[in-house]
Amino acid sequence: MREATRQAIGRTGAALLGLLTLASAVILGFTQADAAPSAEDQAAAIPVAVAARLVEYDSGARLTFDLSAPVEGRAFALADPDRIVVDVPEVNFQIDPAVGRPQPGRALGGIVKSFRFGLLGPGKSRIVIDLNGPARIERLSTVAIAKGAQAARLQIDLGRCEPAVFLQSVKEAEQAPPPAETPAPIDGAAPSGPPVIVLDPGHGGVDGGAYGPPGVVEKTLVYDFSDELRKKLEAEHRYKIVMTRKGDEFVSLGDRVRIARDANAALLISIHADSLPETADVSGATVYTLADRASDAEAARVAEHENAADKAAGLQQAPDDPGVADILFDLKRRESRVYAHMFSRGVIGEWRMAGRLNRNPERSAGFMVLKAPDFPSVLLELGYLSNPQDVKALTSPEWRDKATNALVAAIDHLFAAQTAPDPKAQAVAGAPAQPAAVALPAPQADDKSGH
């Protein structure tokens, strides 16, 4: 009898313990549900695009994206060049960007010239469709892949239209142009702390930049290069390093300049890679500085291409700054250009021992990203993704190590003579003293071929 009673009490205790455990689990579950989602949870909540297909027919075309979850989109038209832009919430595009580009000798389609996709900003992605002729959005919809399934297809249906109809849709989509920015005042007070070096990896997000062999994309290559350069400069503990983008995201040209100015930059280096598919023998690195007039036709071509980055991302081109008549402002701009040329020659001198240089490595043109007057800035084209030898080098860790070492040395030389500020120089320039001149190699004579 006593044994039976003990067994009953034991069973009751075990049951109570089980109930307490279940209650604790339920309470803990509610607590975890109420907590802020982790970064992993947030990433998992972003829809993933796994495939894209373009199908064209007589009067229209359909572009389809296969997604892990449905999204809502907004479409509008832009001209010069003619494009259809589709904005969606952030999507993780796990798709080879080559799917949206025509292959040599084969057009992508009669209506669609090309298309691209990627991150535009935090929480926002964009699809840009370049058109061969006037077309309009007939339908933008998301349909389930299967009944009751979470996976869905984003379908963009385009139809041919008259030019007047397309221009009307562009007019409806246009927004008031942003007001012209007033240049930040130059107060002559030196910012405290170490010199700020701004590294600007070109392109990003929806704007892939130039493309080489399968898997070689400018935006990724130049970001990896810039990030390694950042680490080496930070290891010296002599500079503060600012990157204009953190990862694969799109940053407009105006925002890149604004980031540098807000950081009180002492130097900006915009890093890119070029491509000339029709002339695969052109190779080597080129350093560009700002000029009101391009040094040659090739420099003008590169500037036109890089200045179209905002258009590639489906943005309206911002109006060009007409300039400022202020004398102090103009003096500062001239001084910055002088130091930019000094740094350009320094980079070329160091690069000779690290990698290939273009036959005409020192050029100038009207690059929008170099137009800030407050600090010297250069645009470095690492090489040509259309040249097999350059591609082999640019994708090599050994080459990247040598090339970033060359840039670190050029930066160190530029700032090596920066000691105590010269009050007279500050009074003339109206700005903090810049690095004093250092011994640099003489510029090369222009190559007659233009490359």
Protein backbone atom coordinates (compact mmCIF):
# COMPACT_ATOMS: atom_id res chain seq x y z
CA MET A 1 0.00 0.00 0.00
CA ARG A 2 2.77 2.40 0.95
CA GLU A 3 4.68 1.47 -2.24
CA ALA A 4 1.61 2.19 -4.42
CA THR A 5 1.19 5.56 -2.71
CA ARG A 6 4.83 6.45 -3.34
CA GLN A 7 4.49 5.50 -7.03
CA ALA A 8 1.37 7.65 -7.39
CA ILE A 9 3.09 10.60 -5.77
CA GLY A 10 6.05 10.11 -8.09
CA ARG A 11 3.81 10.05 -11.17
CA THR A 12 2.06 13.21 -10.00
CA GLY A 13 5.40 14.99 -9.43
CA ALA A 14 6.66 14.00 -12.87
CA ALA A 15 3.47 15.30 -14.44
CA LEU A 16 3.78 18.59 -12.57
CA LEU A 17 7.43 18.87 -13.64
CA GLY A 18 6.39 18.26 -17.25
CA LEU A 19 3.73 20.98 -17.05
CA LEU A 20 6.23 23.42 -15.57
CA THR A 21 8.73 22.63 -18.34
CA LEU A 22 6.07 23.12 -21.02
CA ALA A 23 4.97 26.41 -19.46
CA SER A 24 8.56 27.62 -19.34
CA ALA A 25 9.03 26.74 -22.98
CA VAL A 26 5.86 28.59 -23.95
CA ILE A 27 6.89 31.66 -21.96
CA LEU A 28 10.38 31.52 -23.45
CA GLY A 29 8.89 31.20 -26.92
CA PHE A 30 6.77 34.32 -26.41
CA THR A 31 9.83 36.16 -25.10
CA GLN A 32 11.90 35.18 -28.12
CA ALA A 33 9.07 36.10 -30.49
CA ASP A 34 8.82 39.54 -28.92
CA ALA A 35 12.58 40.12 -29.20
CA ALA A 36 14.01 42.04 -32.15
CA PRO A 37 14.86 39.74 -35.09
CA SER A 38 18.52 38.90 -35.52
CA ALA A 39 20.54 39.86 -38.57
CA GLU A 40 20.30 36.24 -39.72
CA ASP A 41 16.50 36.32 -39.38
CA GLN A 42 16.32 39.60 -41.29
CA ALA A 43 18.48 38.19 -44.10
CA ALA A 44 16.31 35.08 -44.25
CA ALA A 45 13.21 37.27 -44.62
CA ILE A 46 14.55 38.93 -47.80
CA PRO A 47 13.10 37.26 -50.92
CA VAL A 48 15.65 35.46 -53.10
CA ALA A 49 15.55 35.66 -56.91
CA VAL A 50 16.89 32.45 -58.43
CA ALA A 51 16.16 32.83 -62.15
CA ALA A 52 15.24 35.42 -64.80
CA ARG A 53 13.81 34.84 -68.28
CA LEU A 54 12.96 37.10 -71.19
CA VAL A 55 10.40 36.00 -73.77
CA GLU A 56 9.54 38.25 -76.72
CA TYR A 57 6.66 38.02 -79.17
CA ASP A 58 5.35 40.17 -82.03
CA SER A 59 3.91 43.06 -80.06
CA GLY A 60 5.53 42.75 -76.69
CA ALA A 61 7.84 41.02 -74.23
CA ARG A 62 7.66 39.42 -70.80
CA LEU A 63 10.50 39.52 -68.28
CA THR A 64 10.02 37.07 -65.40
CA PHE A 65 11.90 36.69 -62.10
CA ASP A 66 11.44 33.54 -59.98
CA LEU A 67 11.33 34.52 -56.30
CA SER A 68 11.19 32.71 -52.97
CA ALA A 69 8.40 35.05 -51.85
CA PRO A 70 6.06 37.56 -53.55
CA VAL A 71 6.96 41.26 -53.82
CA GLU A 72 5.09 44.37 -54.87
CA GLY A 73 6.68 46.57 -57.53
CA ARG A 74 6.36 50.05 -59.01
CA ALA A 75 7.28 50.78 -62.63
CA PHE A 76 8.02 54.01 -64.49
CA ALA A 77 9.72 55.16 -67.71
CA LEU A 78 12.84 57.27 -68.26
CA ALA A 79 14.32 58.72 -71.44
CA ASP A 80 17.86 59.45 -72.67
CA PRO A 81 18.38 56.53 -72.90
CA ASP A 82 14.92 54.96 -73.04
CA ARG A 83 14.39 52.69 -70.04
CA ILE A 84 11.71 51.03 -67.96
CA VAL A 85 12.53 51.00 -64.25
CA VAL A 86 10.90 48.64 -61.73
CA ASP A 87 11.42 49.28 -58.01
CA VAL A 88 10.77 46.47 -55.52
CA PRO A 89 11.57 45.85 -51.85
CA GLU A 90 15.03 44.42 -51.21
CA VAL A 91 15.65 41.21 -53.15
CA ASN A 92 18.68 38.94 -52.92
CA PHE A 93 19.45 38.39 -56.62
CA GLN A 94 21.22 35.02 -56.88
CA ILE A 95 21.32 35.31 -60.67
CA ASP A 96 24.25 35.63 -63.07
CA PRO A 97 24.07 39.23 -64.37
CA ALA A 98 25.12 37.96 -67.80
CA VAL A 99 21.52 36.78 -68.32
CA GLY A 100 20.52 40.39 -68.98
CA ARG A 101 23.28 41.26 -71.44
CA PRO A 102 23.37 40.55 -75.18
CA GLN A 103 26.06 38.13 -76.26
CA PRO A 104 28.48 38.92 -79.13
CA GLY A 105 26.65 38.59 -82.42
CA ARG A 106 23.27 37.99 -80.76
CA ALA A 107 20.74 40.62 -79.71
CA LEU A 108 18.90 40.06 -76.47
CA GLY A 109 15.54 40.97 -78.05
CA GLY A 110 13.70 43.29 -80.38
CA ILE A 111 12.08 45.34 -77.61
CA VAL A 112 14.50 44.76 -74.72
CA LYS A 113 18.08 45.79 -75.40
CA SER A 114 19.40 44.62 -72.02
CA PHE A 115 18.38 44.49 -68.38
CA ARG A 116 20.12 44.56 -65.02
CA PHE A 117 19.15 44.21 -61.39
CA GLY A 118 20.54 44.74 -57.92
CA LEU A 119 20.41 46.63 -54.66
CA LEU A 120 19.60 50.32 -54.92
CA GLY A 121 19.71 51.20 -51.23
CA PRO A 122 18.78 49.80 -47.80
CA GLY A 123 15.57 47.81 -48.19
CA LYS A 124 15.21 48.67 -51.89
CA SER A 125 16.16 46.87 -55.11
CA ARG A 126 15.77 47.90 -58.73
CA ILE A 127 15.38 46.32 -62.17
CA VAL A 128 16.39 48.51 -65.14
CA ILE A 129 15.29 47.51 -68.63
CA ASP A 130 17.03 49.22 -71.55
CA LEU A 131 14.79 49.51 -74.61
CA ASN A 132 15.53 49.20 -78.31
CA GLY A 133 12.46 51.30 -79.09
CA PRO A 134 9.40 52.90 -77.47
CA ALA A 135 7.57 50.53 -75.11
CA ARG A 136 5.36 50.79 -72.06
CA ILE A 137 4.42 48.65 -69.09
CA GLU A 138 1.31 46.66 -69.93
CA ARG A 139 1.22 44.80 -66.63
CA LEU A 140 3.31 44.37 -63.50
CA SER A 141 2.18 41.43 -61.39
CA THR A 142 3.27 38.74 -58.95
CA VAL A 143 1.78 35.29 -59.39
CA ALA A 144 2.20 32.16 -57.26
CA ILE A 145 4.32 29.43 -58.83
CA ALA A 146 1.97 26.81 -57.37
CA LYS A 147 -1.29 26.93 -55.45
CA GLY A 148 -0.62 27.56 -51.77
CA ALA A 149 3.12 27.97 -52.33
CA GLN A 150 5.16 30.89 -50.98
CA ALA A 151 7.38 31.03 -54.08
CA ALA A 152 6.20 33.47 -56.74
CA ARG A 153 7.04 34.99 -60.12
CA LEU A 154 7.41 38.70 -60.74
CA GLN A 155 6.14 39.28 -64.28
CA ILE A 156 6.91 42.48 -66.21
CA ASP A 157 4.87 42.68 -69.41
CA LEU A 158 5.97 45.26 -71.99
CA GLY A 159 4.19 46.33 -75.15
CA ARG A 160 5.36 48.34 -78.14
CA CYS A 161 3.94 51.85 -78.33
CA GLU A 162 4.20 55.05 -80.32
CA PRO A 163 7.04 57.46 -79.38
CA ALA A 164 4.50 60.05 -78.22
CA VAL A 165 2.95 57.54 -75.82
CA PHE A 166 6.36 56.66 -74.36
CA LEU A 167 7.31 60.32 -73.93
CA GLN A 168 4.01 60.95 -72.17
CA SER A 169 4.75 58.14 -69.71
CA VAL A 170 8.20 59.64 -69.13
CA LYS A 171 6.64 63.03 -68.48
CA GLU A 172 4.25 61.52 -65.95
CA ALA A 173 7.14 59.86 -64.11
CA GLU A 174 9.34 62.92 -63.98
CA GLN A 175 9.81 64.60 -60.66
CA ALA A 176 10.90 68.12 -59.93
CA PRO A 177 14.69 68.37 -60.35
CA PRO A 178 16.60 68.60 -57.07
CA PRO A 179 17.61 72.12 -56.07
CA ALA A 180 21.15 73.13 -56.92
CA GLU A 181 23.46 72.53 -53.99
CA THR A 182 25.32 75.40 -52.42
CA PRO A 183 28.97 74.46 -51.93
CA ALA A 184 29.96 74.04 -48.33
CA PRO A 185 31.85 77.07 -47.04
CA ILE A 186 35.61 76.78 -46.76
CA ASP A 187 36.36 78.18 -43.32
CA GLY A 188 40.14 77.70 -43.27
CA ALA A 189 40.07 75.71 -40.04
CA ALA A 190 42.05 72.48 -40.25
CA PRO A 191 40.01 69.45 -39.16
CA SER A 192 41.50 67.68 -36.16
CA GLY A 193 42.79 64.14 -36.34
CA PRO A 194 44.66 62.19 -39.01
CA PRO A 195 44.17 62.84 -42.74
CA VAL A 196 40.98 61.30 -44.10
CA ILE A 197 41.44 59.09 -47.17
CA VAL A 198 38.19 58.34 -48.99
CA LEU A 199 38.18 55.18 -51.09
CA ASP A 200 35.43 55.08 -53.71
CA PRO A 201 34.84 51.63 -55.24
CA GLY A 202 33.00 52.39 -58.48
CA HIS A 203 29.48 51.22 -59.36
CA GLY A 204 27.67 48.70 -57.11
CA GLY A 205 24.21 47.26 -56.60
CA VAL A 206 22.08 47.57 -59.71
CA ASP A 207 25.03 49.14 -61.58
CA GLY A 208 27.54 46.38 -62.29
CA GLY A 209 29.92 48.53 -64.33
CA ALA A 210 32.13 46.73 -66.84
CA TYR A 211 32.06 42.98 -67.42
CA GLY A 212 34.86 40.59 -68.35
CA PRO A 213 34.85 36.81 -68.74
CA PRO A 214 32.05 34.90 -66.92
CA GLY A 215 32.02 35.84 -63.25
CA VAL A 216 34.28 38.90 -63.56
CA VAL A 217 32.28 42.04 -62.74
CA GLU A 218 33.78 45.48 -62.19
CA LYS A 219 31.71 46.35 -59.11
CA THR A 220 32.94 43.26 -57.22
CA LEU A 221 36.55 43.45 -58.39
CA VAL A 222 37.03 47.11 -57.44
CA TYR A 223 35.31 46.66 -54.07
CA ASP A 224 37.62 43.79 -53.12
CA PHE A 225 40.62 45.88 -54.23
CA SER A 226 39.44 48.92 -52.23
CA ASP A 227 38.75 46.84 -49.13
CA GLU A 228 42.26 45.37 -49.18
CA LEU A 229 43.70 48.86 -49.65
CA ARG A 230 41.60 50.05 -46.70
CA LYS A 231 42.97 47.33 -44.43
CA LYS A 232 46.58 48.14 -45.34
CA LEU A 233 46.12 51.87 -44.76
CA GLU A 234 44.36 51.32 -41.44
CA ALA A 235 47.20 49.04 -40.33
CA GLU A 236 49.56 52.04 -40.57
CA HIS A 237 47.49 54.00 -38.01
CA ARG A 238 48.30 57.22 -39.90
CA TYR A 239 45.00 57.86 -41.65
CA LYS A 240 41.29 57.65 -41.17
CA ILE A 241 39.73 55.62 -44.00
CA VAL A 242 36.20 56.13 -45.30
CA MET A 243 34.58 53.91 -47.93
CA THR A 244 31.81 55.39 -50.08
CA ARG A 245 30.00 52.07 -50.14
CA LYS A 246 29.94 49.09 -47.82
CA GLY A 247 29.43 46.01 -49.92
CA ASP A 248 27.31 45.54 -53.02
CA GLU A 249 25.10 48.63 -52.89
CA PHE A 250 24.43 51.50 -55.27
CA VAL A 251 25.64 55.00 -54.33
CA SER A 252 24.93 57.90 -56.67
CA LEU A 253 27.76 60.07 -57.97
CA GLY A 254 26.50 63.06 -56.00
CA ASP A 255 26.35 61.02 -52.78
CA ARG A 256 29.90 59.78 -53.30
CA VAL A 257 31.17 63.35 -53.42
CA ARG A 258 28.95 64.31 -50.48
CA ILE A 259 30.34 61.47 -48.36
CA ALA A 260 33.88 62.68 -49.01
CA ARG A 261 33.06 66.31 -48.22
CA ASP A 262 31.17 65.41 -45.04
CA ALA A 263 34.19 63.39 -43.92
CA ASN A 264 36.56 66.37 -44.49
CA ALA A 265 38.53 64.28 -46.97
CA ALA A 266 42.19 65.03 -47.57
CA LEU A 267 42.25 62.75 -50.65
CA LEU A 268 39.69 60.81 -52.69
CA ILE A 269 40.60 57.80 -54.85
CA SER A 270 37.82 56.51 -57.11
CA ILE A 271 38.66 52.97 -58.25
CA HIS A 272 37.35 51.39 -61.47
CA ALA A 273 38.14 48.89 -64.23
CA ASP A 274 37.62 49.63 -67.93
CA SER A 275 36.57 47.55 -70.92
CA LEU A 276 37.05 47.88 -74.68
CA PRO A 277 35.66 44.67 -76.20
CA GLU A 278 36.33 45.87 -79.74
CA THR A 279 40.05 46.49 -78.95
CA ALA A 280 41.17 43.65 -76.69
CA ASP A 281 44.88 44.49 -77.00
CA VAL A 282 44.55 47.73 -74.97
CA SER A 283 45.71 47.11 -71.41
CA GLY A 284 47.19 48.57 -68.25
CA ALA A 285 46.28 50.99 -65.48
CA THR A 286 45.43 54.66 -66.08
CA VAL A 287 45.19 57.52 -63.58
CA TYR A 288 42.70 60.30 -64.38
CA THR A 289 42.49 63.78 -62.89
CA LEU A 290 39.84 66.43 -63.34
CA ALA A 291 39.95 68.83 -66.29
CA ASP A 292 37.38 71.09 -67.91
CA ARG A 293 38.47 69.65 -71.24
CA ALA A 294 39.45 66.02 -71.85
CA SER A 295 43.12 65.36 -72.57
CA ASP A 296 42.21 63.07 -75.48
CA ALA A 297 39.32 61.15 -77.05
CA GLU A 298 39.87 58.08 -74.88
CA ALA A 299 39.70 60.15 -71.69
CA ALA A 300 36.47 61.74 -72.95
CA ARG A 301 35.01 58.26 -73.59
CA VAL A 302 35.90 57.00 -70.12
CA ALA A 303 34.47 60.13 -68.45
CA GLU A 304 31.24 59.84 -70.44
CA HIS A 305 30.91 56.20 -69.40
CA GLU A 306 31.64 56.80 -65.70
CA ASN A 307 29.40 59.88 -65.57
CA ALA A 308 26.51 57.72 -66.82
CA ALA A 309 26.55 55.56 -63.66
CA ASP A 310 23.40 57.21 -62.30
CA LYS A 311 21.60 56.57 -65.58
CA ALA A 312 22.67 52.92 -65.45
CA ALA A 313 20.90 52.67 -62.10
CA GLY A 314 17.74 54.28 -63.46
CA LEU A 315 18.26 57.73 -61.98
CA GLN A 316 17.77 61.04 -63.72
CA GLN A 317 21.06 62.81 -64.42
CA ALA A 318 21.62 65.54 -61.85
CA PRO A 319 22.23 69.00 -63.32
CA ASP A 320 25.88 69.95 -63.52
CA ASP A 321 27.15 72.54 -61.06
CA PRO A 322 27.76 75.69 -63.11
CA GLY A 323 30.56 76.73 -60.78
CA VAL A 324 31.05 79.39 -58.15
CA ALA A 325 32.47 82.85 -58.74
CA ASP A 326 33.89 83.18 -55.23
CA ILE A 327 37.65 83.88 -55.45
CA LEU A 328 38.54 81.87 -52.36
CA PHE A 329 36.55 78.93 -53.72
CA ASP A 330 38.36 79.13 -57.06
CA LEU A 331 41.79 79.29 -55.39
CA LYS A 332 41.00 76.18 -53.38
CA ARG A 333 39.85 74.35 -56.50
CA ARG A 334 43.10 75.18 -58.32
CA GLU A 335 45.18 74.12 -55.37
CA SER A 336 43.36 70.79 -55.11
CA ARG A 337 43.95 70.11 -58.80
CA VAL A 338 47.68 70.73 -58.38
CA TYR A 339 47.91 68.15 -55.58
CA ALA A 340 45.78 65.74 -57.59
CA HIS A 341 48.32 65.90 -60.43
CA MET A 342 51.14 65.37 -57.93
CA PHE A 343 49.44 62.29 -56.55
CA SER A 344 48.67 61.00 -60.05
CA ARG A 345 52.37 61.09 -60.94
CA GLY A 346 53.22 59.43 -57.64
CA VAL A 347 50.82 56.57 -58.33
CA ILE A 348 52.30 56.06 -61.81
CA GLY A 349 55.83 56.04 -60.41
CA GLU A 350 54.99 53.37 -57.82
CA TRP A 351 52.79 51.33 -60.17
CA ARG A 352 55.67 50.74 -62.60
CA MET A 353 57.16 48.29 -60.09
CA ALA A 354 53.86 46.57 -59.31
CA GLY A 355 51.87 46.13 -62.50
CA ARG A 356 51.16 47.08 -66.09
CA LEU A 357 50.54 50.70 -67.06
CA ASN A 358 48.57 51.91 -70.04
CA ARG A 359 50.74 53.30 -72.83
CA ASN A 360 49.36 56.73 -71.91
CA PRO A 361 48.80 56.34 -68.15
CA GLU A 362 48.21 59.98 -67.15
CA ARG A 363 45.02 61.55 -68.51
CA SER A 364 42.33 64.03 -67.50
CA ALA A 365 38.65 64.70 -68.21
CA GLY A 366 35.47 66.05 -66.63
CA PHE A 367 34.61 63.27 -64.16
CA MET A 368 31.66 64.17 -61.94
CA VAL A 369 33.05 62.24 -58.97
CA LEU A 370 36.24 64.36 -59.04
CA LYS A 371 34.56 67.77 -59.07
CA ALA A 372 34.67 68.59 -55.35
CA PRO A 373 36.97 71.61 -54.89
CA ASP A 374 37.86 70.92 -51.27
CA PHE A 375 40.40 68.12 -51.72
CA PRO A 376 42.57 66.44 -54.39
CA SER A 377 40.95 63.45 -56.09
CA VAL A 378 41.88 60.98 -58.81
CA LEU A 379 40.12 58.19 -60.68
CA LEU A 380 42.16 55.02 -61.11
CA GLU A 381 41.28 52.51 -63.82
CA LEU A 382 43.03 49.32 -62.68
CA GLY A 383 43.06 47.79 -66.15
CA TYR A 384 40.82 46.44 -68.91
CA LEU A 385 38.41 43.56 -68.38
CA SER A 386 38.46 43.10 -72.15
CA ASN A 387 42.16 42.19 -72.07
CA PRO A 388 43.00 38.58 -71.03
CA GLN A 389 46.34 39.54 -69.43
CA ASP A 390 44.72 42.30 -67.37
CA VAL A 391 41.90 39.99 -66.27
CA LYS A 392 44.44 37.39 -65.14
CA ALA A 393 46.26 40.05 -63.11
CA LEU A 394 43.21 41.80 -61.67
CA THR A 395 41.76 38.52 -60.39
CA SER A 396 45.06 37.42 -58.86
CA PRO A 397 45.58 37.87 -55.08
CA GLU A 398 49.33 38.27 -55.68
CA TRP A 399 48.78 41.14 -58.13
CA ARG A 400 46.26 42.81 -55.83
CA ASP A 401 48.76 42.64 -52.98
CA LYS A 402 51.48 44.34 -55.07
CA ALA A 403 49.10 46.93 -56.55
CA THR A 404 47.64 47.94 -53.19
CA ASN A 405 51.18 48.20 -51.79
CA ALA A 406 52.01 50.59 -54.63
CA LEU A 407 49.02 52.79 -53.77
CA VAL A 408 49.90 52.79 -50.08
CA ALA A 409 53.43 53.94 -50.97
CA ALA A 410 52.08 56.72 -53.21
CA ILE A 411 49.74 57.91 -50.45
CA ASP A 412 52.54 57.83 -47.88
CA HIS A 413 54.78 59.89 -50.19
CA LEU A 414 52.04 62.47 -50.71
CA PHE A 415 51.55 62.99 -46.98
CA ALA A 416 55.15 62.40 -45.89
CA ALA A 417 56.06 66.10 -45.87
CA GLN A 418 52.91 67.13 -44.02
CA THR A 419 54.24 68.44 -40.72
CA ALA A 420 53.26 71.70 -39.06
CA PRO A 421 50.80 73.85 -41.03
CA ASP A 422 52.28 76.87 -42.78
CA PRO A 423 50.25 79.92 -41.61
CA LYS A 424 51.16 81.87 -44.77
CA ALA A 425 50.02 79.06 -47.04
CA GLN A 426 46.79 78.78 -45.04
CA ALA A 427 46.16 82.49 -45.34
CA VAL A 428 46.57 82.36 -49.12
CA ALA A 429 44.64 79.16 -49.74
CA GLY A 430 42.01 79.75 -47.08
CA ALA A 431 42.22 76.07 -46.13
CA PRO A 432 44.34 73.62 -44.14
CA ALA A 433 47.85 73.17 -45.46
CA GLN A 434 48.13 70.31 -47.92
CA PRO A 435 51.12 67.96 -48.18
CA ALA A 436 54.26 69.64 -49.41
CA ALA A 437 55.66 68.72 -52.81
CA VAL A 438 57.67 65.55 -53.07
CA ALA A 439 60.03 64.32 -55.76
CA LEU A 440 57.93 62.67 -58.44
CA PRO A 441 58.71 61.29 -61.89
CA ALA A 442 58.09 63.51 -64.87
CA PRO A 443 54.89 62.84 -66.85
CA GLN A 444 55.15 60.72 -69.97
CA ALA A 445 54.58 62.19 -73.38
CA ASP A 446 51.15 61.41 -74.82
CA ASP A 447 51.03 58.24 -76.87
CA LYS A 448 49.91 58.93 -80.43
CA SER A 449 47.61 55.92 -80.45
CA GLY A 450 45.51 57.41 -77.66
CA HIS A 451 45.70 54.22 -75.56
